[in-house]
Amino acid sequence: MRILRPRRKPKKAYPNSDRFEEDGRRIYSAYAPASQPRRRISAKHRWLIGTIVLIGAIGIVLALAWWQV
């Protein structure tokens, strides 16, 4: 009785054929990573960045007011 195993995927005749167009020019390079979409900043991080900027702005205003006295 044969042991049940998944069949091996057949190998392509030309393993890099998906990287080249018909005229032989490269579609993409194997060494250059594909461009990745930018990550969105979560609401929590946006809130934290906004809070830090607000505190910094208040600090600058208070420092300028202090030096004007």
N, C-alpha and C. Protein backbone atom coordinates (compact mmCIF):
# COMPACT_ATOMS: atom_id res chain seq x y z
N MET A 1 0.83 -1.18 0.00
CA MET A 1 0.00 0.00 0.00
C MET A 1 0.87 1.25 0.00
N ARG A 2 0.51 2.18 -0.83
CA ARG A 2 1.30 3.40 -0.98
C ARG A 2 0.94 4.40 0.13
N ILE A 3 1.95 5.04 0.70
CA ILE A 3 1.71 6.05 1.73
C ILE A 3 1.16 7.30 1.06
N LEU A 4 0.12 7.87 1.65
CA LEU A 4 -0.49 9.05 1.07
C LEU A 4 0.37 10.28 1.34
N ARG A 5 0.85 10.85 0.29
CA ARG A 5 1.65 12.07 0.38
C ARG A 5 1.16 13.05 -0.67
N PRO A 6 1.30 14.36 -0.40
CA PRO A 6 0.92 15.32 -1.45
C PRO A 6 1.89 15.21 -2.62
N ARG A 7 1.34 15.34 -3.82
CA ARG A 7 2.20 15.27 -5.01
C ARG A 7 3.10 16.48 -5.08
N ARG A 8 4.29 16.28 -5.60
CA ARG A 8 5.20 17.40 -5.80
C ARG A 8 4.74 18.23 -6.98
N LYS A 9 4.87 19.52 -6.85
CA LYS A 9 4.49 20.43 -7.90
C LYS A 9 5.49 20.29 -9.06
N PRO A 10 5.00 20.19 -10.29
CA PRO A 10 5.95 20.05 -11.40
C PRO A 10 6.77 21.34 -11.59
N LYS A 11 8.03 21.16 -11.89
CA LYS A 11 8.91 22.31 -12.10
C LYS A 11 8.64 22.92 -13.46
N LYS A 12 8.81 24.24 -13.53
CA LYS A 12 8.63 24.92 -14.81
C LYS A 12 9.80 24.59 -15.73
N ALA A 13 9.53 24.58 -16.98
CA ALA A 13 10.60 24.34 -17.94
C ALA A 13 11.58 25.51 -17.91
N TYR A 14 11.05 26.71 -17.76
CA TYR A 14 11.88 27.91 -17.68
C TYR A 14 11.52 28.62 -16.38
N PRO A 15 12.28 28.41 -15.31
CA PRO A 15 11.88 28.93 -14.00
C PRO A 15 11.77 30.45 -13.94
N ASN A 16 12.52 31.17 -14.75
CA ASN A 16 12.47 32.63 -14.70
C ASN A 16 11.63 33.22 -15.82
N SER A 17 10.86 32.39 -16.49
CA SER A 17 10.11 32.87 -17.64
C SER A 17 9.06 33.91 -17.26
N ASP A 18 8.61 33.89 -16.00
CA ASP A 18 7.62 34.88 -15.59
C ASP A 18 8.24 36.26 -15.39
N ARG A 19 9.58 36.35 -15.42
CA ARG A 19 10.24 37.63 -15.21
C ARG A 19 10.53 38.38 -16.51
N PHE A 20 10.31 37.76 -17.63
CA PHE A 20 10.68 38.36 -18.91
C PHE A 20 9.47 38.49 -19.82
N GLU A 21 9.44 39.57 -20.57
CA GLU A 21 8.40 39.73 -21.57
C GLU A 21 8.80 38.98 -22.83
N GLU A 22 7.96 39.09 -23.85
CA GLU A 22 8.24 38.35 -25.08
C GLU A 22 9.51 38.85 -25.77
N ASP A 23 9.80 40.15 -25.64
CA ASP A 23 10.98 40.68 -26.31
C ASP A 23 12.26 40.45 -25.50
N GLY A 24 12.16 39.80 -24.34
CA GLY A 24 13.34 39.47 -23.55
C GLY A 24 13.68 40.50 -22.50
N ARG A 25 12.95 41.63 -22.45
CA ARG A 25 13.24 42.62 -21.42
C ARG A 25 12.62 42.19 -20.10
N ARG A 26 13.26 42.58 -19.03
CA ARG A 26 12.79 42.17 -17.71
C ARG A 26 11.50 42.89 -17.31
N ILE A 27 10.59 42.15 -16.72
CA ILE A 27 9.41 42.75 -16.12
C ILE A 27 9.79 43.31 -14.76
N TYR A 28 10.56 42.55 -14.00
CA TYR A 28 11.06 43.01 -12.71
C TYR A 28 12.38 42.30 -12.44
N SER A 29 13.14 42.83 -11.52
CA SER A 29 14.42 42.24 -11.17
C SER A 29 14.23 41.30 -9.98
N ALA A 30 14.99 40.22 -9.97
CA ALA A 30 14.91 39.29 -8.86
C ALA A 30 15.55 39.89 -7.62
N TYR A 31 16.39 40.90 -7.79
CA TYR A 31 17.13 41.47 -6.67
C TYR A 31 16.46 42.72 -6.11
N ALA A 32 15.71 43.46 -6.91
CA ALA A 32 15.04 44.67 -6.44
C ALA A 32 13.69 44.28 -5.85
N PRO A 33 13.44 44.66 -4.61
CA PRO A 33 12.15 44.30 -4.02
C PRO A 33 11.01 45.06 -4.69
N ALA A 34 9.86 44.47 -4.70
CA ALA A 34 8.69 45.13 -5.25
C ALA A 34 8.34 46.31 -4.36
N SER A 35 7.82 47.37 -4.96
CA SER A 35 7.47 48.53 -4.16
C SER A 35 6.32 48.15 -3.24
N GLN A 36 6.46 48.50 -1.99
CA GLN A 36 5.46 48.14 -1.00
C GLN A 36 4.60 49.35 -0.69
N PRO A 37 3.32 49.14 -0.50
CA PRO A 37 2.46 50.28 -0.15
C PRO A 37 2.85 50.84 1.21
N ARG A 38 2.71 52.15 1.37
CA ARG A 38 3.06 52.78 2.64
C ARG A 38 2.08 52.34 3.71
N ARG A 39 2.62 52.13 4.89
CA ARG A 39 1.77 51.74 6.01
C ARG A 39 0.98 52.94 6.49
N ARG A 40 -0.26 52.70 6.82
CA ARG A 40 -1.08 53.77 7.37
C ARG A 40 -0.76 53.93 8.84
N ILE A 41 -0.77 55.17 9.32
CA ILE A 41 -0.52 55.43 10.72
C ILE A 41 -1.82 55.21 11.48
N SER A 42 -1.75 54.45 12.54
CA SER A 42 -2.97 54.14 13.30
C SER A 42 -3.47 55.38 14.02
N ALA A 43 -4.72 55.35 14.41
CA ALA A 43 -5.33 56.49 15.11
C ALA A 43 -4.60 56.76 16.42
N LYS A 44 -4.15 55.72 17.08
CA LYS A 44 -3.44 55.89 18.35
C LYS A 44 -2.13 56.65 18.15
N HIS A 45 -1.41 56.30 17.09
CA HIS A 45 -0.15 56.98 16.83
C HIS A 45 -0.39 58.42 16.38
N ARG A 46 -1.45 58.64 15.58
CA ARG A 46 -1.77 60.01 15.17
C ARG A 46 -2.10 60.87 16.37
N TRP A 47 -2.85 60.31 17.31
CA TRP A 47 -3.20 61.04 18.52
C TRP A 47 -1.94 61.36 19.32
N LEU A 48 -1.03 60.40 19.44
CA LEU A 48 0.20 60.60 20.19
C LEU A 48 1.07 61.67 19.54
N ILE A 49 1.21 61.62 18.22
CA ILE A 49 2.01 62.62 17.51
C ILE A 49 1.38 64.01 17.67
N GLY A 50 0.06 64.08 17.54
CA GLY A 50 -0.63 65.37 17.71
C GLY A 50 -0.44 65.93 19.10
N THR A 51 -0.53 65.07 20.11
CA THR A 51 -0.34 65.51 21.50
C THR A 51 1.08 66.04 21.72
N ILE A 52 2.07 65.35 21.19
CA ILE A 52 3.46 65.78 21.34
C ILE A 52 3.68 67.12 20.66
N VAL A 53 3.13 67.29 19.45
CA VAL A 53 3.27 68.56 18.74
C VAL A 53 2.58 69.69 19.51
N LEU A 54 1.40 69.42 20.06
CA LEU A 54 0.65 70.43 20.81
C LEU A 54 1.42 70.84 22.07
N ILE A 55 1.95 69.87 22.80
CA ILE A 55 2.72 70.17 24.00
C ILE A 55 3.97 70.96 23.64
N GLY A 56 4.62 70.60 22.53
CA GLY A 56 5.80 71.35 22.09
C GLY A 56 5.45 72.78 21.72
N ALA A 57 4.33 72.97 21.03
CA ALA A 57 3.92 74.33 20.66
C ALA A 57 3.60 75.15 21.89
N ILE A 58 2.92 74.57 22.86
CA ILE A 58 2.62 75.29 24.11
C ILE A 58 3.91 75.64 24.83
N GLY A 59 4.85 74.71 24.84
CA GLY A 59 6.15 74.97 25.48
C GLY A 59 6.89 76.11 24.81
N ILE A 60 6.87 76.18 23.49
CA ILE A 60 7.54 77.26 22.77
C ILE A 60 6.88 78.60 23.08
N VAL A 61 5.55 78.63 23.11
CA VAL A 61 4.82 79.87 23.42
C VAL A 61 5.15 80.32 24.84
N LEU A 62 5.16 79.40 25.79
CA LEU A 62 5.47 79.76 27.17
C LEU A 62 6.92 80.25 27.31
N ALA A 63 7.84 79.60 26.58
CA ALA A 63 9.24 80.03 26.63
C ALA A 63 9.39 81.43 26.04
N LEU A 64 8.73 81.72 24.94
CA LEU A 64 8.81 83.05 24.34
C LEU A 64 8.17 84.09 25.27
N ALA A 65 7.06 83.73 25.90
CA ALA A 65 6.41 84.66 26.84
C ALA A 65 7.31 84.90 28.05
N TRP A 66 8.01 83.88 28.49
CA TRP A 66 8.90 84.03 29.64
C TRP A 66 10.07 84.98 29.32
N TRP A 67 10.61 84.87 28.11
CA TRP A 67 11.75 85.71 27.73
C TRP A 67 11.32 87.14 27.46
N GLN A 68 10.05 87.40 27.19
CA GLN A 68 9.55 88.75 26.93
C GLN A 68 9.37 89.54 28.22
N VAL A 69 9.33 88.86 29.36
CA VAL A 69 9.08 89.56 30.63
C VAL A 69 10.23 90.36 31.02
